[in-house]
Amino acid sequence: MKKTYLIPAIISIIIGFMVGKAMCDEYHTTSETKTVFQATNSLTVYYLQYGVYSSKENMEKSVLQLPYYIYQIEDNQYHVYIGVSSKEENLKKLQDYFHSLGYNTYKKEGMIRNQKYIETLNVLDEMLSKVSDSKNIDEINQKILENYKEV
């Protein structure tokens, strides 16, 4: 009775080994791999930071002279930004523009995940890279900030 089970078991092991080897060989010879899931649809951006404030009241008093700005609350502090760009050369252009107006600013790096805003920012960034006069820089930057939404 034991011999009757031995032959099918050996045949099963041999067939399993051959199928497993064929699958492993195919896996190792495949040169193209495709990503099934993307971890995140995000974009690295550069913020032009105007200041950091401990309370909303202090922030609101300080930004009265600014025509437009955005702010984010991080670590219970209000971070005020007056420019956003995905290109460092555009941020430098904005920084020079605001410096000519008498504002001291700082560059800060961050991530944006809002796909609609990323598309808008890419278009406006391209426009910003092609202009050099103050009026157009100001108008494009205003549009960038008006459309800012981090969701």
N, C-alpha and C. Protein backbone atom coordinates (compact mmCIF):
# COMPACT_ATOMS: atom_id res chain seq x y z
N MET A 1 0.82 -1.19 0.00
CA MET A 1 0.00 0.00 0.00
C MET A 1 0.87 1.26 0.00
N LYS A 2 2.00 1.18 0.66
CA LYS A 2 2.87 2.35 0.74
C LYS A 2 3.49 2.67 -0.60
N LYS A 3 3.72 1.65 -1.45
CA LYS A 3 4.31 1.89 -2.75
C LYS A 3 3.33 2.62 -3.67
N THR A 4 2.06 2.43 -3.48
CA THR A 4 1.07 3.10 -4.32
C THR A 4 1.06 4.62 -4.09
N TYR A 5 1.38 5.03 -2.90
CA TYR A 5 1.43 6.47 -2.61
C TYR A 5 2.79 7.07 -2.97
N LEU A 6 3.81 6.29 -3.00
CA LEU A 6 5.16 6.77 -3.22
C LEU A 6 5.35 7.27 -4.66
N ILE A 7 4.86 6.57 -5.64
CA ILE A 7 5.05 6.96 -7.04
C ILE A 7 4.31 8.27 -7.35
N PRO A 8 3.02 8.44 -6.99
CA PRO A 8 2.36 9.73 -7.26
C PRO A 8 3.02 10.89 -6.49
N ALA A 9 3.50 10.64 -5.30
CA ALA A 9 4.17 11.69 -4.52
C ALA A 9 5.44 12.13 -5.22
N ILE A 10 6.23 11.20 -5.73
CA ILE A 10 7.48 11.53 -6.43
C ILE A 10 7.16 12.28 -7.73
N ILE A 11 6.16 11.81 -8.46
CA ILE A 11 5.77 12.49 -9.70
C ILE A 11 5.29 13.92 -9.40
N SER A 12 4.51 14.08 -8.33
CA SER A 12 4.02 15.41 -7.94
C SER A 12 5.18 16.34 -7.58
N ILE A 13 6.16 15.82 -6.88
CA ILE A 13 7.32 16.63 -6.49
C ILE A 13 8.11 17.04 -7.74
N ILE A 14 8.30 16.14 -8.66
CA ILE A 14 9.04 16.44 -9.89
C ILE A 14 8.30 17.48 -10.72
N ILE A 15 6.99 17.30 -10.89
CA ILE A 15 6.19 18.27 -11.66
C ILE A 15 6.20 19.63 -10.97
N GLY A 16 6.04 19.66 -9.66
CA GLY A 16 6.08 20.91 -8.91
C GLY A 16 7.42 21.61 -9.05
N PHE A 17 8.51 20.85 -9.00
CA PHE A 17 9.84 21.42 -9.15
C PHE A 17 10.00 22.04 -10.54
N MET A 18 9.54 21.33 -11.58
CA MET A 18 9.68 21.83 -12.95
C MET A 18 8.84 23.10 -13.18
N VAL A 19 7.62 23.11 -12.68
CA VAL A 19 6.76 24.30 -12.82
C VAL A 19 7.36 25.48 -12.04
N GLY A 20 7.82 25.24 -10.83
CA GLY A 20 8.44 26.29 -10.02
C GLY A 20 9.69 26.85 -10.68
N LYS A 21 10.53 25.97 -11.24
CA LYS A 21 11.75 26.41 -11.90
C LYS A 21 11.40 27.25 -13.13
N ALA A 22 10.42 26.81 -13.90
CA ALA A 22 10.01 27.57 -15.09
C ALA A 22 9.50 28.96 -14.71
N MET A 23 8.74 29.06 -13.64
CA MET A 23 8.22 30.36 -13.19
C MET A 23 9.35 31.26 -12.71
N CYS A 24 10.28 30.70 -11.95
CA CYS A 24 11.41 31.50 -11.46
C CYS A 24 12.29 31.96 -12.61
N ASP A 25 12.52 31.09 -13.59
CA ASP A 25 13.32 31.48 -14.75
C ASP A 25 12.64 32.60 -15.52
N GLU A 26 11.34 32.53 -15.67
CA GLU A 26 10.59 33.57 -16.38
C GLU A 26 10.66 34.89 -15.61
N TYR A 27 10.55 34.84 -14.31
CA TYR A 27 10.61 36.05 -13.47
C TYR A 27 11.96 36.74 -13.61
N HIS A 28 13.03 35.98 -13.63
CA HIS A 28 14.37 36.57 -13.70
C HIS A 28 14.70 37.07 -15.09
N THR A 29 14.06 36.57 -16.13
CA THR A 29 14.37 37.04 -17.48
C THR A 29 13.49 38.20 -17.92
N THR A 30 12.48 38.53 -17.17
CA THR A 30 11.61 39.64 -17.52
C THR A 30 12.38 40.93 -17.28
N SER A 31 12.53 41.73 -18.34
CA SER A 31 13.34 42.94 -18.23
C SER A 31 12.50 44.16 -17.91
N GLU A 32 11.21 44.12 -18.17
CA GLU A 32 10.37 45.28 -17.94
C GLU A 32 9.46 45.02 -16.74
N THR A 33 9.54 45.92 -15.77
CA THR A 33 8.62 45.85 -14.64
C THR A 33 7.76 47.09 -14.66
N LYS A 34 6.54 46.93 -14.26
CA LYS A 34 5.60 48.05 -14.26
C LYS A 34 5.14 48.31 -12.84
N THR A 35 5.03 49.59 -12.51
CA THR A 35 4.54 49.98 -11.21
C THR A 35 3.03 49.83 -11.19
N VAL A 36 2.53 49.11 -10.23
CA VAL A 36 1.09 48.91 -10.12
C VAL A 36 0.46 50.08 -9.38
N PHE A 37 1.08 50.51 -8.30
CA PHE A 37 0.57 51.63 -7.50
C PHE A 37 1.65 52.68 -7.40
N GLN A 38 1.24 53.93 -7.49
CA GLN A 38 2.18 55.01 -7.21
C GLN A 38 2.00 55.38 -5.75
N ALA A 39 3.12 55.56 -5.07
CA ALA A 39 3.06 55.85 -3.64
C ALA A 39 2.36 57.19 -3.40
N THR A 40 2.67 58.18 -4.20
CA THR A 40 2.04 59.48 -3.99
C THR A 40 2.18 60.32 -5.25
N ASN A 41 1.21 61.13 -5.52
CA ASN A 41 1.27 62.10 -6.60
C ASN A 41 1.55 63.45 -5.96
N SER A 42 2.81 63.70 -5.69
CA SER A 42 3.15 64.94 -5.02
C SER A 42 4.23 65.66 -5.80
N LEU A 43 4.40 66.92 -5.48
CA LEU A 43 5.37 67.78 -6.15
C LEU A 43 6.14 68.55 -5.09
N THR A 44 7.44 68.59 -5.25
CA THR A 44 8.27 69.41 -4.37
C THR A 44 8.13 70.86 -4.81
N VAL A 45 7.82 71.72 -3.88
CA VAL A 45 7.69 73.15 -4.17
C VAL A 45 8.56 73.95 -3.22
N TYR A 46 8.77 75.18 -3.60
CA TYR A 46 9.54 76.11 -2.78
C TYR A 46 8.64 77.26 -2.40
N TYR A 47 8.56 77.50 -1.11
CA TYR A 47 7.75 78.59 -0.58
C TYR A 47 8.66 79.78 -0.32
N LEU A 48 8.14 80.98 -0.55
CA LEU A 48 8.83 82.20 -0.18
C LEU A 48 8.18 82.67 1.13
N GLN A 49 8.88 82.39 2.22
CA GLN A 49 8.32 82.66 3.55
C GLN A 49 8.57 84.11 3.95
N TYR A 50 7.51 84.75 4.39
CA TYR A 50 7.59 86.13 4.86
C TYR A 50 7.85 86.19 6.36
N GLY A 51 7.23 85.30 7.12
CA GLY A 51 7.43 85.31 8.56
C GLY A 51 6.70 84.17 9.25
N VAL A 52 7.01 84.03 10.54
CA VAL A 52 6.39 83.01 11.39
C VAL A 52 5.87 83.73 12.63
N TYR A 53 4.63 83.43 13.01
CA TYR A 53 3.99 84.14 14.11
C TYR A 53 3.38 83.16 15.10
N SER A 54 3.39 83.55 16.35
CA SER A 54 2.88 82.66 17.40
C SER A 54 1.36 82.72 17.53
N SER A 55 0.74 83.79 17.03
CA SER A 55 -0.72 83.88 17.12
C SER A 55 -1.28 84.46 15.82
N LYS A 56 -2.54 84.19 15.60
CA LYS A 56 -3.19 84.69 14.40
C LYS A 56 -3.29 86.22 14.43
N GLU A 57 -3.50 86.77 15.60
CA GLU A 57 -3.59 88.23 15.73
C GLU A 57 -2.28 88.91 15.33
N ASN A 58 -1.16 88.36 15.80
CA ASN A 58 0.14 88.93 15.43
C ASN A 58 0.37 88.82 13.92
N MET A 59 0.00 87.68 13.37
CA MET A 59 0.16 87.49 11.93
C MET A 59 -0.67 88.51 11.17
N GLU A 60 -1.93 88.67 11.54
CA GLU A 60 -2.81 89.59 10.83
C GLU A 60 -2.32 91.04 10.91
N LYS A 61 -1.74 91.43 12.04
CA LYS A 61 -1.18 92.78 12.16
C LYS A 61 0.02 92.96 11.25
N SER A 62 0.82 91.94 11.14
CA SER A 62 2.07 92.02 10.38
C SER A 62 1.85 92.01 8.86
N VAL A 63 0.79 91.39 8.40
CA VAL A 63 0.59 91.25 6.96
C VAL A 63 -0.36 92.30 6.37
N LEU A 64 -0.68 93.32 7.12
CA LEU A 64 -1.60 94.34 6.63
C LEU A 64 -1.11 94.99 5.34
N GLN A 65 0.20 95.18 5.19
CA GLN A 65 0.73 95.85 4.00
C GLN A 65 0.87 94.91 2.80
N LEU A 66 0.69 93.62 3.02
CA LEU A 66 0.83 92.67 1.91
C LEU A 66 -0.45 92.63 1.08
N PRO A 67 -0.33 92.70 -0.24
CA PRO A 67 -1.54 92.63 -1.08
C PRO A 67 -2.14 91.23 -1.12
N TYR A 68 -1.32 90.20 -0.98
CA TYR A 68 -1.79 88.82 -0.99
C TYR A 68 -0.76 87.94 -0.30
N TYR A 69 -1.27 86.87 0.28
CA TYR A 69 -0.40 85.92 0.98
C TYR A 69 -1.23 84.68 1.29
N ILE A 70 -0.54 83.62 1.68
CA ILE A 70 -1.19 82.42 2.20
C ILE A 70 -0.49 82.09 3.51
N TYR A 71 -1.16 81.32 4.34
CA TYR A 71 -0.50 80.89 5.57
C TYR A 71 -0.87 79.45 5.89
N GLN A 72 0.03 78.82 6.63
CA GLN A 72 -0.20 77.46 7.11
C GLN A 72 0.12 77.42 8.59
N ILE A 73 -0.61 76.61 9.32
CA ILE A 73 -0.35 76.43 10.74
C ILE A 73 0.49 75.18 10.90
N GLU A 74 1.70 75.36 11.42
CA GLU A 74 2.62 74.25 11.67
C GLU A 74 3.17 74.41 13.08
N ASP A 75 3.07 73.37 13.87
CA ASP A 75 3.57 73.39 15.25
C ASP A 75 3.01 74.58 16.04
N ASN A 76 1.71 74.84 15.87
CA ASN A 76 1.02 75.93 16.57
C ASN A 76 1.59 77.30 16.24
N GLN A 77 2.20 77.44 15.07
CA GLN A 77 2.70 78.74 14.62
C GLN A 77 2.16 79.01 13.22
N TYR A 78 1.99 80.27 12.91
CA TYR A 78 1.43 80.70 11.64
C TYR A 78 2.58 81.08 10.70
N HIS A 79 2.75 80.29 9.65
CA HIS A 79 3.79 80.53 8.66
C HIS A 79 3.16 81.26 7.47
N VAL A 80 3.67 82.45 7.17
CA VAL A 80 3.12 83.27 6.10
C VAL A 80 4.03 83.16 4.88
N TYR A 81 3.40 82.87 3.73
CA TYR A 81 4.13 82.74 2.48
C TYR A 81 3.59 83.75 1.47
N ILE A 82 4.51 84.37 0.72
CA ILE A 82 4.10 85.34 -0.29
C ILE A 82 4.48 84.89 -1.70
N GLY A 83 4.95 83.66 -1.82
CA GLY A 83 5.28 83.10 -3.13
C GLY A 83 5.39 81.59 -3.06
N VAL A 84 5.06 80.93 -4.17
CA VAL A 84 5.19 79.48 -4.28
C VAL A 84 5.65 79.19 -5.70
N SER A 85 6.59 78.25 -5.83
CA SER A 85 7.04 77.83 -7.15
C SER A 85 7.61 76.43 -7.07
N SER A 86 7.53 75.71 -8.18
CA SER A 86 8.15 74.39 -8.24
C SER A 86 9.56 74.48 -8.83
N LYS A 87 9.95 75.68 -9.23
CA LYS A 87 11.27 75.90 -9.83
C LYS A 87 12.07 76.87 -8.97
N GLU A 88 13.26 76.47 -8.62
CA GLU A 88 14.10 77.33 -7.77
C GLU A 88 14.43 78.66 -8.44
N GLU A 89 14.63 78.64 -9.76
CA GLU A 89 14.97 79.89 -10.45
C GLU A 89 13.79 80.87 -10.42
N ASN A 90 12.56 80.35 -10.45
CA ASN A 90 11.39 81.22 -10.32
C ASN A 90 11.27 81.77 -8.91
N LEU A 91 11.59 80.94 -7.92
CA LEU A 91 11.53 81.43 -6.54
C LEU A 91 12.57 82.54 -6.34
N LYS A 92 13.74 82.38 -6.95
CA LYS A 92 14.77 83.42 -6.86
C LYS A 92 14.27 84.71 -7.50
N LYS A 93 13.56 84.58 -8.62
CA LYS A 93 12.98 85.74 -9.29
C LYS A 93 11.98 86.44 -8.37
N LEU A 94 11.13 85.64 -7.71
CA LEU A 94 10.16 86.21 -6.77
C LEU A 94 10.86 86.85 -5.57
N GLN A 95 11.89 86.18 -5.09
CA GLN A 95 12.63 86.71 -3.93
C GLN A 95 13.27 88.05 -4.29
N ASP A 96 13.85 88.16 -5.47
CA ASP A 96 14.45 89.43 -5.91
C ASP A 96 13.38 90.51 -6.05
N TYR A 97 12.22 90.13 -6.59
CA TYR A 97 11.12 91.08 -6.74
C TYR A 97 10.68 91.62 -5.38
N PHE A 98 10.45 90.73 -4.42
CA PHE A 98 10.01 91.19 -3.11
C PHE A 98 11.12 91.92 -2.35
N HIS A 99 12.36 91.54 -2.59
CA HIS A 99 13.47 92.26 -1.96
C HIS A 99 13.52 93.70 -2.47
N SER A 100 13.22 93.89 -3.77
CA SER A 100 13.19 95.25 -4.33
C SER A 100 12.08 96.09 -3.70
N LEU A 101 11.05 95.42 -3.16
CA LEU A 101 9.95 96.13 -2.49
C LEU A 101 10.23 96.32 -1.00
N GLY A 102 11.36 95.79 -0.52
CA GLY A 102 11.74 95.97 0.88
C GLY A 102 11.36 94.83 1.81
N TYR A 103 10.95 93.69 1.27
CA TYR A 103 10.56 92.55 2.10
C TYR A 103 11.73 91.58 2.25
N ASN A 104 11.95 91.14 3.47
CA ASN A 104 12.93 90.09 3.73
C ASN A 104 12.19 88.76 3.69
N THR A 105 12.69 87.83 2.91
CA THR A 105 12.01 86.54 2.74
C THR A 105 13.02 85.40 2.90
N TYR A 106 12.47 84.21 3.07
CA TYR A 106 13.28 83.01 3.23
C TYR A 106 12.70 81.90 2.38
N LYS A 107 13.57 81.08 1.84
CA LYS A 107 13.15 79.93 1.03
C LYS A 107 12.86 78.75 1.95
N LYS A 108 11.74 78.08 1.68
CA LYS A 108 11.37 76.89 2.45
C LYS A 108 10.84 75.85 1.48
N GLU A 109 11.29 74.62 1.63
CA GLU A 109 10.88 73.54 0.74
C GLU A 109 9.70 72.79 1.35
N GLY A 110 8.80 72.33 0.49
CA GLY A 110 7.64 71.57 0.96
C GLY A 110 7.11 70.67 -0.14
N MET A 111 6.03 69.97 0.18
CA MET A 111 5.40 69.05 -0.77
C MET A 111 3.93 69.44 -0.95
N ILE A 112 3.45 69.31 -2.17
CA ILE A 112 2.05 69.57 -2.47
C ILE A 112 1.48 68.30 -3.11
N ARG A 113 0.28 67.92 -2.69
CA ARG A 113 -0.34 66.70 -3.21
C ARG A 113 -1.62 66.95 -4.00
N ASN A 114 -2.11 68.17 -4.00
CA ASN A 114 -3.33 68.51 -4.71
C ASN A 114 -3.05 68.53 -6.22
N GLN A 115 -3.54 67.52 -6.93
CA GLN A 115 -3.22 67.34 -8.34
C GLN A 115 -3.70 68.51 -9.19
N LYS A 116 -4.86 69.04 -8.90
CA LYS A 116 -5.39 70.18 -9.67
C LYS A 116 -4.49 71.40 -9.49
N TYR A 117 -4.07 71.64 -8.27
CA TYR A 117 -3.17 72.78 -8.03
C TYR A 117 -1.81 72.56 -8.69
N ILE A 118 -1.31 71.33 -8.67
CA ILE A 118 -0.02 71.03 -9.30
C ILE A 118 -0.08 71.39 -10.78
N GLU A 119 -1.17 71.03 -11.45
CA GLU A 119 -1.32 71.34 -12.86
C GLU A 119 -1.36 72.86 -13.08
N THR A 120 -2.10 73.57 -12.25
CA THR A 120 -2.18 75.02 -12.35
C THR A 120 -0.81 75.65 -12.09
N LEU A 121 -0.14 75.18 -11.06
CA LEU A 121 1.19 75.71 -10.71
C LEU A 121 2.18 75.49 -11.84
N ASN A 122 2.14 74.33 -12.48
CA ASN A 122 3.06 74.07 -13.59
C ASN A 122 2.86 75.05 -14.73
N VAL A 123 1.61 75.35 -15.05
CA VAL A 123 1.31 76.31 -16.13
C VAL A 123 1.79 77.70 -15.73
N LEU A 124 1.45 78.13 -14.52
CA LEU A 124 1.84 79.47 -14.07
C LEU A 124 3.35 79.59 -13.88
N ASP A 125 4.00 78.52 -13.45
CA ASP A 125 5.46 78.52 -13.32
C ASP A 125 6.12 78.71 -14.68
N GLU A 126 5.57 78.06 -15.68
CA GLU A 126 6.12 78.20 -17.04
C GLU A 126 5.98 79.65 -17.51
N MET A 127 4.84 80.26 -17.22
CA MET A 127 4.64 81.66 -17.58
C MET A 127 5.62 82.56 -16.81
N LEU A 128 5.79 82.26 -15.53
CA LEU A 128 6.67 83.07 -14.69
C LEU A 128 8.12 82.99 -15.17
N SER A 129 8.52 81.85 -15.67
CA SER A 129 9.91 81.71 -16.12
C SER A 129 10.18 82.53 -17.38
N LYS A 130 9.13 82.94 -18.09
CA LYS A 130 9.29 83.68 -19.35
C LYS A 130 9.18 85.19 -19.20
N VAL A 131 8.83 85.68 -18.02
CA VAL A 131 8.68 87.13 -17.83
C VAL A 131 9.80 87.66 -16.94
N SER A 132 10.04 88.97 -17.10
CA SER A 132 11.08 89.58 -16.26
C SER A 132 10.65 90.92 -15.68
N ASP A 133 9.55 91.48 -16.15
CA ASP A 133 9.12 92.78 -15.62
C ASP A 133 8.30 92.59 -14.34
N SER A 134 8.40 93.56 -13.46
CA SER A 134 7.79 93.50 -12.14
C SER A 134 6.27 93.30 -12.19
N LYS A 135 5.62 93.98 -13.10
CA LYS A 135 4.16 93.90 -13.17
C LYS A 135 3.70 92.47 -13.47
N ASN A 136 4.31 91.84 -14.45
CA ASN A 136 3.92 90.47 -14.80
C ASN A 136 4.30 89.47 -13.71
N ILE A 137 5.46 89.66 -13.10
CA ILE A 137 5.87 88.79 -11.99
C ILE A 137 4.84 88.86 -10.88
N ASP A 138 4.43 90.07 -10.56
CA ASP A 138 3.45 90.28 -9.49
C ASP A 138 2.10 89.64 -9.84
N GLU A 139 1.62 89.82 -11.06
CA GLU A 139 0.33 89.28 -11.46
C GLU A 139 0.32 87.75 -11.48
N ILE A 140 1.40 87.15 -11.99
CA ILE A 140 1.46 85.68 -12.04
C ILE A 140 1.55 85.12 -10.63
N ASN A 141 2.36 85.75 -9.78
CA ASN A 141 2.48 85.29 -8.39
C ASN A 141 1.15 85.39 -7.67
N GLN A 142 0.41 86.45 -7.94
CA GLN A 142 -0.91 86.60 -7.32
C GLN A 142 -1.83 85.46 -7.75
N LYS A 143 -1.80 85.08 -9.01
CA LYS A 143 -2.62 83.96 -9.50
C LYS A 143 -2.20 82.64 -8.84
N ILE A 144 -0.89 82.46 -8.67
CA ILE A 144 -0.39 81.25 -8.02
C ILE A 144 -0.95 81.14 -6.60
N LEU A 145 -0.93 82.25 -5.87
CA LEU A 145 -1.42 82.23 -4.49
C LEU A 145 -2.95 82.14 -4.42
N GLU A 146 -3.64 82.78 -5.35
CA GLU A 146 -5.10 82.71 -5.37
C GLU A 146 -5.59 81.27 -5.57
N ASN A 147 -4.86 80.52 -6.37
CA ASN A 147 -5.27 79.14 -6.69
C ASN A 147 -4.76 78.14 -5.68
N TYR A 148 -3.97 78.56 -4.71
CA TYR A 148 -3.35 77.63 -3.76
C TYR A 148 -4.40 76.94 -2.92
N LYS A 149 -4.36 75.62 -2.97
CA LYS A 149 -5.22 74.80 -2.10
C LYS A 149 -4.45 73.53 -1.82
N GLU A 150 -4.18 73.26 -0.58
CA GLU A 150 -3.49 72.03 -0.18
C GLU A 150 -4.51 71.13 0.46
N VAL A 151 -4.96 70.13 -0.30
CA VAL A 151 -5.97 69.20 0.20
C VAL A 151 -5.36 67.82 0.33
